[in-house]
C-alpha atoms as a PDB file:
ATOM      1  CA  MET A   1      15.449 -13.944   4.390  1.00  0.00           C
ATOM      2  CA  PRO A   2      16.208 -14.253   0.728  1.00  0.00           C
ATOM      3  CA  SER A   3      19.622 -12.990  -0.268  1.00  0.00           C
ATOM      4  CA  SER A   4      18.289 -10.404  -2.647  1.00  0.00           C
ATOM      5  CA  ASP A   5      16.611  -8.516   0.361  1.00  0.00           C
ATOM      6  CA  GLU A   6      18.223  -5.731   2.152  1.00  0.00           C
ATOM      7  CA  MET A   7      17.827  -4.238   5.603  1.00  0.00           C
ATOM      8  CA  ILE A   8      17.782  -0.364   5.274  1.00  0.00           C
ATOM      9  CA  ASP A   9      18.931   1.388   8.341  1.00  0.00           C
ATOM     10  CA  LEU A  10      17.011   4.607   8.886  1.00  0.00           C
ATOM     11  CA  GLY A  11      18.337   5.207  12.327  1.00  0.00           C
ATOM     12  CA  ASP A  12      15.260   4.588  14.575  1.00  0.00           C
ATOM     13  CA  ARG A  13      14.120   1.482  12.588  1.00  0.00           C
ATOM     14  CA  ARG A  14      15.467  -1.071  10.004  1.00  0.00           C
ATOM     15  CA  LEU A  15      13.088  -1.849   6.897  1.00  0.00           C
ATOM     16  CA  ARG A  16      13.427  -4.980   4.677  1.00  0.00           C
ATOM     17  CA  VAL A  17      13.390  -4.076   0.973  1.00  0.00           C
ATOM     18  CA  ARG A  18      13.398  -6.192  -2.033  1.00  0.00           C
ATOM     19  CA  ARG A  19      14.535  -4.736  -5.328  1.00  0.00           C
ATOM     20  CA  LEU A  20      13.023  -5.981  -8.468  1.00  0.00           C
ATOM     21  CA  GLN A  21      14.101  -5.808 -12.153  1.00  0.00           C
ATOM     22  CA  PRO A  22      11.876  -6.260 -15.161  1.00  0.00           C
ATOM     23  CA  ALA A  23      12.363  -9.350 -17.290  1.00  0.00           C
ATOM     24  CA  GLN A  24      13.200  -6.965 -20.337  1.00  0.00           C
ATOM     25  CA  ASP A  25      15.397  -3.925 -20.227  1.00  0.00           C
ATOM     26  CA  ASP A  26      15.018  -1.696 -23.428  1.00  0.00           C
ATOM     27  CA  GLY A  27      17.695   0.841 -22.200  1.00  0.00           C
ATOM     28  CA  PHE A  28      14.955   3.597 -21.446  1.00  0.00           C
ATOM     29  CA  ASP A  29      15.106   5.272 -17.974  1.00  0.00           C
ATOM     30  CA  ARG A  30      11.860   4.617 -16.188  1.00  0.00           C
ATOM     31  CA  THR A  31      10.060   5.388 -12.996  1.00  0.00           C
ATOM     32  CA  VAL A  32      10.351   3.084 -10.144  1.00  0.00           C
ATOM     33  CA  LEU A  33       7.310   1.230  -8.844  1.00  0.00           C
ATOM     34  CA  VAL A  34       7.157   1.347  -4.967  1.00  0.00           C
ATOM     35  CA  PHE A  35       4.665  -1.271  -3.496  1.00  0.00           C
ATOM     36  CA  LEU A  36       3.026  -0.345  -0.123  1.00  0.00           C
ATOM     37  CA  HIS A  37       1.357  -3.575   1.419  1.00  0.00           C
ATOM     38  CA  GLU A  38      -1.958  -4.065   3.294  1.00  0.00           C
ATOM     39  CA  GLY A  39      -2.393  -3.736   7.017  1.00  0.00           C
ATOM     40  CA  LEU A  40      -1.398  -7.415   7.880  1.00  0.00           C
ATOM     41  CA  GLY A  41       0.884  -7.620   4.659  1.00  0.00           C
ATOM     42  CA  CYS A  42       4.461  -7.957   4.017  1.00  0.00           C
ATOM     43  CA  ILE A  43       6.855  -8.583   1.051  1.00  0.00           C
ATOM     44  CA  GLU A  44       5.579 -12.222   0.430  1.00  0.00           C
ATOM     45  CA  MET A  45       1.923 -11.510   0.569  1.00  0.00           C
ATOM     46  CA  TRP A  46       1.975  -9.608  -2.672  1.00  0.00           C
ATOM     47  CA  ARG A  47       2.932 -12.868  -4.231  1.00  0.00           C
ATOM     48  CA  ASP A  48       4.329 -12.488  -7.685  1.00  0.00           C
ATOM     49  CA  PHE A  49       2.226  -9.278  -8.515  1.00  0.00           C
ATOM     50  CA  PRO A  50       4.899  -6.915  -8.223  1.00  0.00           C
ATOM     51  CA  GLN A  51       7.251  -8.785 -10.547  1.00  0.00           C
ATOM     52  CA  LYS A  52       4.547  -9.069 -13.026  1.00  0.00           C
ATOM     53  CA  LEU A  53       3.776  -5.607 -13.043  1.00  0.00           C
ATOM     54  CA  CYS A  54       7.442  -4.466 -13.393  1.00  0.00           C
ATOM     55  CA  ASP A  55       7.777  -7.029 -16.266  1.00  0.00           C
ATOM     56  CA  ALA A  56       4.569  -5.570 -18.078  1.00  0.00           C
ATOM     57  CA  THR A  57       5.733  -1.812 -17.540  1.00  0.00           C
ATOM     58  CA  ARG A  58       9.587  -2.512 -17.985  1.00  0.00           C
ATOM     59  CA  CYS A  59      10.054  -0.506 -14.663  1.00  0.00           C
ATOM     60  CA  THR A  60      12.018  -1.395 -11.698  1.00  0.00           C
ATOM     61  CA  GLY A  61      10.449  -2.212  -8.540  1.00  0.00           C
ATOM     62  CA  ILE A  62      10.894  -1.703  -4.586  1.00  0.00           C
ATOM     63  CA  VAL A  63       8.750  -3.857  -2.252  1.00  0.00           C
ATOM     64  CA  TYR A  64       9.126  -3.365   1.474  1.00  0.00           C
ATOM     65  CA  ASP A  65       7.930  -4.427   4.758  1.00  0.00           C
ATOM     66  CA  ARG A  66       6.613  -1.454   6.469  1.00  0.00           C
ATOM     67  CA  THR A  67       7.547  -0.699  10.204  1.00  0.00           C
ATOM     68  CA  GLY A  68       6.165  -3.463  12.443  1.00  0.00           C
ATOM     69  CA  TYR A  69       5.521  -5.836   9.793  1.00  0.00           C
ATOM     70  CA  GLY A  70       7.208  -8.937   8.084  1.00  0.00           C
ATOM     71  CA  LYS A  71      10.893  -8.699   9.164  1.00  0.00           C
ATOM     72  CA  SER A  72      11.309  -5.009   9.531  1.00  0.00           C
ATOM     73  CA  SER A  73      11.909  -3.664  13.107  1.00  0.00           C
ATOM     74  CA  PRO A  74       9.027  -2.719  15.409  1.00  0.00           C
ATOM     75  CA  TRP A  75       8.085   0.978  15.901  1.00  0.00           C
ATOM     76  CA  PRO A  76      10.503   2.748  18.309  1.00  0.00           C
ATOM     77  CA  SER A  77       7.502   4.145  20.013  1.00  0.00           C
ATOM     78  CA  ASP A  78       3.750   3.328  19.796  1.00  0.00           C
ATOM     79  CA  PRO A  79       2.346   5.405  16.934  1.00  0.00           C
ATOM     80  CA  GLY A  80      -1.170   4.454  18.026  1.00  0.00           C
ATOM     81  CA  VAL A  81      -4.112   5.338  15.452  1.00  0.00           C
ATOM     82  CA  ARG A  82      -1.673   7.660  13.546  1.00  0.00           C
ATOM     83  CA  TYR A  83       0.416   4.834  12.119  1.00  0.00           C
ATOM     84  CA  MET A  84      -0.507   5.299   8.575  1.00  0.00           C
ATOM     85  CA  GLU A  85       0.067   9.110   8.669  1.00  0.00           C
ATOM     86  CA  ILE A  86       3.548   8.683  10.391  1.00  0.00           C
ATOM     87  CA  GLU A  87       4.487   6.248   7.774  1.00  0.00           C
ATOM     88  CA  ALA A  88       3.458   8.502   4.894  1.00  0.00           C
ATOM     89  CA  ASP A  89       4.892  11.872   6.374  1.00  0.00           C
ATOM     90  CA  ASP A  90       8.250  10.603   8.014  1.00  0.00           C
ATOM     91  CA  VAL A  91       9.163   6.902   7.230  1.00  0.00           C
ATOM     92  CA  LEU A  92       8.343   6.628   3.620  1.00  0.00           C
ATOM     93  CA  PRO A  93      10.257   9.744   2.442  1.00  0.00           C
ATOM     94  CA  ARG A  94      13.196   8.760   4.529  1.00  0.00           C
ATOM     95  CA  LEU A  95      13.171   5.361   2.819  1.00  0.00           C
ATOM     96  CA  LEU A  96      12.988   6.669  -0.511  1.00  0.00           C
ATOM     97  CA  ALA A  97      15.879   9.120   0.116  1.00  0.00           C
ATOM     98  CA  ALA A  98      18.029   6.256   1.667  1.00  0.00           C
ATOM     99  CA  LEU A  99      17.240   4.050  -1.493  1.00  0.00           C
ATOM    100  CA  GLY A 100      18.180   7.182  -3.931  1.00  0.00           C
ATOM    101  CA  VAL A 101      14.540   7.024  -5.406  1.00  0.00           C
ATOM    102  CA  GLU A 102      13.969  10.343  -7.233  1.00  0.00           C
ATOM    103  CA  ASP A 103      11.167   9.320  -9.418  1.00  0.00           C
ATOM    104  CA  CYS A 104       8.337   6.893  -8.463  1.00  0.00           C
ATOM    105  CA  VAL A 105       4.813   5.605  -8.880  1.00  0.00           C
ATOM    106  CA  LEU A 106       3.249   4.177  -5.507  1.00  0.00           C
ATOM    107  CA  ILE A 107       1.081   1.019  -5.807  1.00  0.00           C
ATOM    108  CA  GLY A 108      -0.561   0.654  -2.532  1.00  0.00           C
ATOM    109  CA  HIS A 109      -3.023  -2.143  -1.286  1.00  0.00           C
ATOM    110  CA  SER A 110      -5.537  -1.314   1.560  1.00  0.00           C
ATOM    111  CA  ASP A 111      -3.647   0.491   4.355  1.00  0.00           C
ATOM    112  CA  GLY A 112      -0.795   0.867   1.701  1.00  0.00           C
ATOM    113  CA  GLY A 113      -3.119   2.701  -0.549  1.00  0.00           C
ATOM    114  CA  THR A 114      -4.230   5.160   2.255  1.00  0.00           C
ATOM    115  CA  ILE A 115      -0.514   5.821   3.044  1.00  0.00           C
ATOM    116  CA  ALA A 116       0.111   6.452  -0.692  1.00  0.00           C
ATOM    117  CA  LEU A 117      -2.649   9.089  -0.831  1.00  0.00           C
ATOM    118  CA  ASP A 118      -1.399  10.747   2.401  1.00  0.00           C
ATOM    119  CA  TYR A 119       2.266  10.804   0.976  1.00  0.00           C
ATOM    120  CA  ALA A 120       0.787  12.254  -2.287  1.00  0.00           C
ATOM    121  CA  ALA A 121      -0.970  14.993  -0.527  1.00  0.00           C
ATOM    122  CA  THR A 122       2.346  16.402   0.467  1.00  0.00           C
ATOM    123  CA  ASP A 123       3.076  16.925  -3.225  1.00  0.00           C
ATOM    124  CA  PRO A 124       6.423  15.127  -2.867  1.00  0.00           C
ATOM    125  CA  GLU A 125       9.078  15.883  -5.616  1.00  0.00           C
ATOM    126  CA  PRO A 126       9.662  11.956  -6.285  1.00  0.00           C
ATOM    127  CA  LEU A 127       6.046  11.113  -7.122  1.00  0.00           C
ATOM    128  CA  ARG A 128       4.647  10.655 -10.452  1.00  0.00           C
ATOM    129  CA  ALA A 129       1.341   8.921  -9.815  1.00  0.00           C
ATOM    130  CA  VAL A 130      -0.478   6.680  -7.405  1.00  0.00           C
ATOM    131  CA  VAL A 131      -2.323   3.556  -7.849  1.00  0.00           C
ATOM    132  CA  THR A 132      -4.567   2.345  -4.986  1.00  0.00           C
ATOM    133  CA  LEU A 133      -6.061  -1.090  -4.457  1.00  0.00           C
ATOM    134  CA  ALA A 134      -8.827  -1.233  -1.920  1.00  0.00           C
ATOM    135  CA  ALA A 135      -7.764   2.010  -0.224  1.00  0.00           C
ATOM    136  CA  HIS A 136      -9.646   3.610   2.596  1.00  0.00           C
ATOM    137  CA  ALA A 137     -10.647   7.477   2.771  1.00  0.00           C
ATOM    138  CA  ILE A 138     -12.888   6.920   5.599  1.00  0.00           C
ATOM    139  CA  ASN A 139     -13.778   4.276   8.004  1.00  0.00           C
ATOM    140  CA  GLU A 140     -17.030   2.374   7.134  1.00  0.00           C
ATOM    141  CA  PRO A 141     -19.160   0.251   9.381  1.00  0.00           C
ATOM    142  CA  ILE A 142     -18.722  -2.817   7.118  1.00  0.00           C
ATOM    143  CA  CYS A 143     -14.785  -2.407   7.824  1.00  0.00           C
ATOM    144  CA  VAL A 144     -15.110  -2.171  11.579  1.00  0.00           C
ATOM    145  CA  GLU A 145     -17.437  -5.343  11.477  1.00  0.00           C
ATOM    146  CA  ALA A 146     -14.912  -7.092   9.250  1.00  0.00           C
ATOM    147  CA  ILE A 147     -11.995  -6.314  11.695  1.00  0.00           C
ATOM    148  CA  ALA A 148     -14.107  -7.142  14.736  1.00  0.00           C
ATOM    149  CA  LYS A 149     -14.539 -10.594  13.101  1.00  0.00           C
ATOM    150  CA  ALA A 150     -10.771 -10.758  12.429  1.00  0.00           C
ATOM    151  CA  ARG A 151      -9.992  -9.964  16.069  1.00  0.00           C
ATOM    152  CA  THR A 152     -12.073 -12.917  16.992  1.00  0.00           C
ATOM    153  CA  ALA A 153     -10.405 -15.003  14.507  1.00  0.00           C
ATOM    154  CA  PHE A 154      -6.986 -14.041  15.745  1.00  0.00           C
ATOM    155  CA  ALA A 155      -7.818 -14.986  19.278  1.00  0.00           C
ATOM    156  CA  GLU A 156      -9.835 -18.231  18.620  1.00  0.00           C
ATOM    157  CA  THR A 157      -8.621 -19.928  15.434  1.00  0.00           C
ATOM    158  CA  ASP A 158      -5.323 -20.670  13.617  1.00  0.00           C
ATOM    159  CA  LEU A 159      -5.170 -17.098  12.137  1.00  0.00           C
ATOM    160  CA  ARG A 160      -2.469 -16.100  14.389  1.00  0.00           C
ATOM    161  CA  ALA A 161      -0.337 -19.146  13.558  1.00  0.00           C
ATOM    162  CA  LYS A 162      -0.705 -18.394   9.856  1.00  0.00           C
ATOM    163  CA  LEU A 163       0.198 -14.880  10.272  1.00  0.00           C
ATOM    164  CA  ALA A 164       3.316 -15.738  12.331  1.00  0.00           C
ATOM    165  CA  ARG A 165       4.854 -17.380   9.252  1.00  0.00           C
ATOM    166  CA  TYR A 166       5.199 -13.953   7.747  1.00  0.00           C
ATOM    167  CA  HIS A 167       5.613 -11.517  10.610  1.00  0.00           C
ATOM    168  CA  ASP A 168       8.533 -11.560  13.196  1.00  0.00           C
ATOM    169  CA  ASP A 169       6.297  -9.734  15.736  1.00  0.00           C
ATOM    170  CA  VAL A 170       2.761 -11.253  14.856  1.00  0.00           C
ATOM    171  CA  ASP A 171       0.900  -9.677  17.931  1.00  0.00           C
ATOM    172  CA  GLY A 172       2.457  -6.295  17.415  1.00  0.00           C
ATOM    173  CA  ALA A 173       1.455  -6.443  13.690  1.00  0.00           C
ATOM    174  CA  PHE A 174      -1.934  -7.531  14.286  1.00  0.00           C
ATOM    175  CA  HIS A 175      -2.839  -5.255  17.084  1.00  0.00           C
ATOM    176  CA  LEU A 176      -1.529  -2.162  15.530  1.00  0.00           C
ATOM    177  CA  TRP A 177      -3.777  -2.726  12.685  1.00  0.00           C
ATOM    178  CA  ALA A 178      -6.950  -4.116  14.427  1.00  0.00           C
ATOM    179  CA  ASP A 179      -6.846  -1.970  17.642  1.00  0.00           C
ATOM    180  CA  ALA A 180      -6.643   1.302  15.422  1.00  0.00           C
ATOM    181  CA  TRP A 181      -9.577   0.483  13.082  1.00  0.00           C
ATOM    182  CA  VAL A 182     -11.921  -0.536  15.970  1.00  0.00           C
ATOM    183  CA  ALA A 183     -10.999   2.551  18.247  1.00  0.00           C
ATOM    184  CA  PRO A 184     -14.023   5.014  18.696  1.00  0.00           C
ATOM    185  CA  GLY A 185     -14.019   7.713  16.122  1.00  0.00           C
ATOM    186  CA  PHE A 186     -10.929   6.189  14.034  1.00  0.00           C
ATOM    187  CA  GLU A 187     -10.641   7.523  10.655  1.00  0.00           C
ATOM    188  CA  PRO A 188      -7.550   6.187   8.245  1.00  0.00           C
ATOM    189  CA  MET A 189      -6.979   9.657   6.949  1.00  0.00           C
ATOM    190  CA  LYS A 190      -8.034  13.204   7.136  1.00  0.00           C
ATOM    191  CA  ALA A 191      -9.666  12.980   3.714  1.00  0.00           C
ATOM    192  CA  ASN A 192     -11.164  16.496   3.508  1.00  0.00           C
ATOM    193  CA  ALA A 193      -7.957  17.986   4.274  1.00  0.00           C
ATOM    194  CA  ARG A 194      -5.550  15.627   2.472  1.00  0.00           C
ATOM    195  CA  LEU A 195      -7.137  14.445  -0.745  1.00  0.00           C
ATOM    196  CA  PRO A 196      -7.332  17.967  -2.293  1.00  0.00           C
ATOM    197  CA  GLY A 197      -3.614  18.179  -1.945  1.00  0.00           C
ATOM    198  CA  VAL A 198      -3.161  15.064  -4.270  1.00  0.00           C
ATOM    199  CA  LEU A 199      -2.266  16.462  -7.627  1.00  0.00           C
ATOM    200  CA  VAL A 200      -0.545  13.653  -9.411  1.00  0.00           C
ATOM    201  CA  PRO A 201      -2.738  11.258 -11.502  1.00  0.00           C
ATOM    202  CA  VAL A 202      -4.577   8.629  -9.436  1.00  0.00           C
ATOM    203  CA  GLN A 203      -5.889   5.199 -10.364  1.00  0.00           C
ATOM    204  CA  ALA A 204      -8.277   3.798  -7.652  1.00  0.00           C
ATOM    205  CA  ILE A 205      -9.272   0.081  -7.779  1.00  0.00           C
ATOM    206  CA  GLN A 206     -11.667  -1.856  -5.600  1.00  0.00           C
ATOM    207  CA  GLY A 207     -13.510  -5.143  -5.568  1.00  0.00           C
ATOM    208  CA  GLU A 208     -17.225  -5.154  -5.913  1.00  0.00           C
ATOM    209  CA  ASP A 209     -17.418  -7.532  -3.020  1.00  0.00           C
ATOM    210  CA  ASP A 210     -14.916  -5.872  -0.842  1.00  0.00           C
ATOM    211  CA  GLU A 211     -15.646  -7.048   2.801  1.00  0.00           C
ATOM    212  CA  TYR A 212     -13.809  -4.047   4.200  1.00  0.00           C
ATOM    213  CA  GLY A 213     -15.403  -1.243   2.216  1.00  0.00           C
ATOM    214  CA  THR A 214     -17.836  -0.167  -0.419  1.00  0.00           C
ATOM    215  CA  GLU A 215     -17.609   1.667  -3.574  1.00  0.00           C
ATOM    216  CA  LEU A 216     -18.198   4.897  -1.620  1.00  0.00           C
ATOM    217  CA  GLN A 217     -14.405   4.787  -1.002  1.00  0.00           C
ATOM    218  CA  LEU A 218     -13.806   5.320  -4.767  1.00  0.00           C
ATOM    219  CA  GLY A 219     -16.294   8.045  -4.938  1.00  0.00           C
ATOM    220  CA  ILE A 220     -14.681   9.892  -2.152  1.00  0.00           C
ATOM    221  CA  ILE A 221     -11.011   9.467  -3.627  1.00  0.00           C
ATOM    222  CA  ALA A 222     -12.176  10.499  -7.167  1.00  0.00           C
ATOM    223  CA  GLY A 223     -14.322  13.403  -5.831  1.00  0.00           C
ATOM    224  CA  LYS A 224     -11.835  14.917  -3.525  1.00  0.00           C
ATOM    225  CA  VAL A 225      -8.348  14.674  -5.053  1.00  0.00           C
ATOM    226  CA  GLY A 226      -7.015  17.813  -6.576  1.00  0.00           C
ATOM    227  CA  GLY A 227      -5.929  16.200  -9.920  1.00  0.00           C
ATOM    228  CA  TYR A 228      -6.893  13.501 -12.490  1.00  0.00           C
ATOM    229  CA  CYS A 229      -8.469  10.443 -11.169  1.00  0.00           C
ATOM    230  CA  GLU A 230      -9.992   7.285 -12.716  1.00  0.00           C
ATOM    231  CA  THR A 231     -11.730   4.324 -10.766  1.00  0.00           C
ATOM    232  CA  ARG A 232     -12.307   0.769 -11.500  1.00  0.00           C
ATOM    233  CA  LEU A 233     -14.872  -1.271  -9.625  1.00  0.00           C
ATOM    234  CA  VAL A 234     -13.903  -4.967 -10.313  1.00  0.00           C
ATOM    235  CA  PRO A 235     -16.753  -7.476 -10.491  1.00  0.00           C
ATOM    236  CA  ASP A 236     -16.484 -10.777  -8.591  1.00  0.00           C
ATOM    237  CA  CYS A 237     -13.648  -9.532  -6.505  1.00  0.00           C
ATOM    238  CA  GLY A 238     -13.081  -9.005  -2.606  1.00  0.00           C
ATOM    239  CA  HIS A 239     -10.453  -6.974  -0.745  1.00  0.00           C
ATOM    240  CA  SER A 240      -7.424  -8.114  -2.839  1.00  0.00           C
ATOM    241  CA  PRO A 241      -8.132  -7.213  -6.537  1.00  0.00           C
ATOM    242  CA  HIS A 242      -4.585  -7.826  -7.672  1.00  0.00           C
ATOM    243  CA  LEU A 243      -4.795 -11.416  -6.328  1.00  0.00           C
ATOM    244  CA  GLN A 244      -8.593 -12.197  -6.962  1.00  0.00           C
ATOM    245  CA  GLN A 245      -8.642 -10.649 -10.649  1.00  0.00           C
ATOM    246  CA  PRO A 246      -4.876 -10.380 -11.359  1.00  0.00           C
ATOM    247  CA  ALA A 247      -5.146 -10.512 -15.230  1.00  0.00           C
ATOM    248  CA  TYR A 248      -7.694  -7.562 -15.448  1.00  0.00           C
ATOM    249  CA  VAL A 249      -5.895  -5.599 -12.680  1.00  0.00           C
ATOM    250  CA  LEU A 250      -2.519  -6.138 -14.216  1.00  0.00           C
ATOM    251  CA  SER A 251      -3.851  -4.995 -17.499  1.00  0.00           C
ATOM    252  CA  GLU A 252      -5.525  -1.803 -16.163  1.00  0.00           C
ATOM    253  CA  ILE A 253      -2.473  -0.751 -13.936  1.00  0.00           C
ATOM    254  CA  THR A 254      -0.131  -1.334 -17.045  1.00  0.00           C
ATOM    255  CA  ARG A 255      -2.398   0.884 -19.224  1.00  0.00           C
ATOM    256  CA  PHE A 256      -2.440   3.602 -16.590  1.00  0.00           C
ATOM    257  CA  VAL A 257       1.261   3.567 -15.663  1.00  0.00           C
ATOM    258  CA  SER A 258       2.978   2.921 -18.974  1.00  0.00           C
ATOM    259  CA  PRO A 259       2.335   6.573 -20.589  1.00  0.00           C
ATOM    260  CA  LEU A 260       3.545   8.051 -17.285  1.00  0.00           C
ATOM    261  CA  ALA A 261       6.627   5.616 -16.867  1.00  0.00           C
ATOM    262  CA  LEU A 262       9.328   7.255 -18.823  1.00  0.00           C
ATOM    263  CA  ALA A 263      11.344   9.396 -16.358  1.00  0.00           C
ATOM    264  CA  GLY A 264      12.691  12.910 -17.022  1.00  0.00           C
END
């Protein structure tokens, strides 16, 4: 584990956190960018995108391994299909409080985007805005099919070995995600109940060729949130817009976040 990483003890779990500093500091007090990774993600899987966004916006950043992923501790008890809701309602608020974060913008990829929207729906005091990358408001057939293929690949190919390089408990990390999404009747969030409570500005980004969802996700998010929302459907792009079209996505998020970034 890099020396710059910290293990934050929340009592019932320990989460690995990495703090980022922008390359240039002009002395202004800016919001903190908090990055929430995808369903099988961790700090490393963001690659250099968080640092580049911090540099572009001159904001500090926090990237962390969510419960059960990367080098963070496993769930103290099985959250089942409610793992994203619990992360948003219980774990993330405690982590931000432990880190002393009083003003933030959430940048969430896939599951992380859904968690960011769930958190925003409670109108929390620290939150300034949300950016989602391939977030899910509903569970579409295309997503169930893609995850079924991933389950087969995990059992029959080298996918498990590849993921084991990133996760201390690779089987727990994989099945927490995959088993929930293919469970009968599973929905990632209570969109009708939650999204109208999202009052902070939202930027929702999705790849045109996303193998886990269609542009319907953008329409639902934009149509149901209670405040301002802008959407971007990115051409020639799959489920990871920040990695597959990094220049465009970096530019768009920077444009969206920069006017909101000055704290106070």
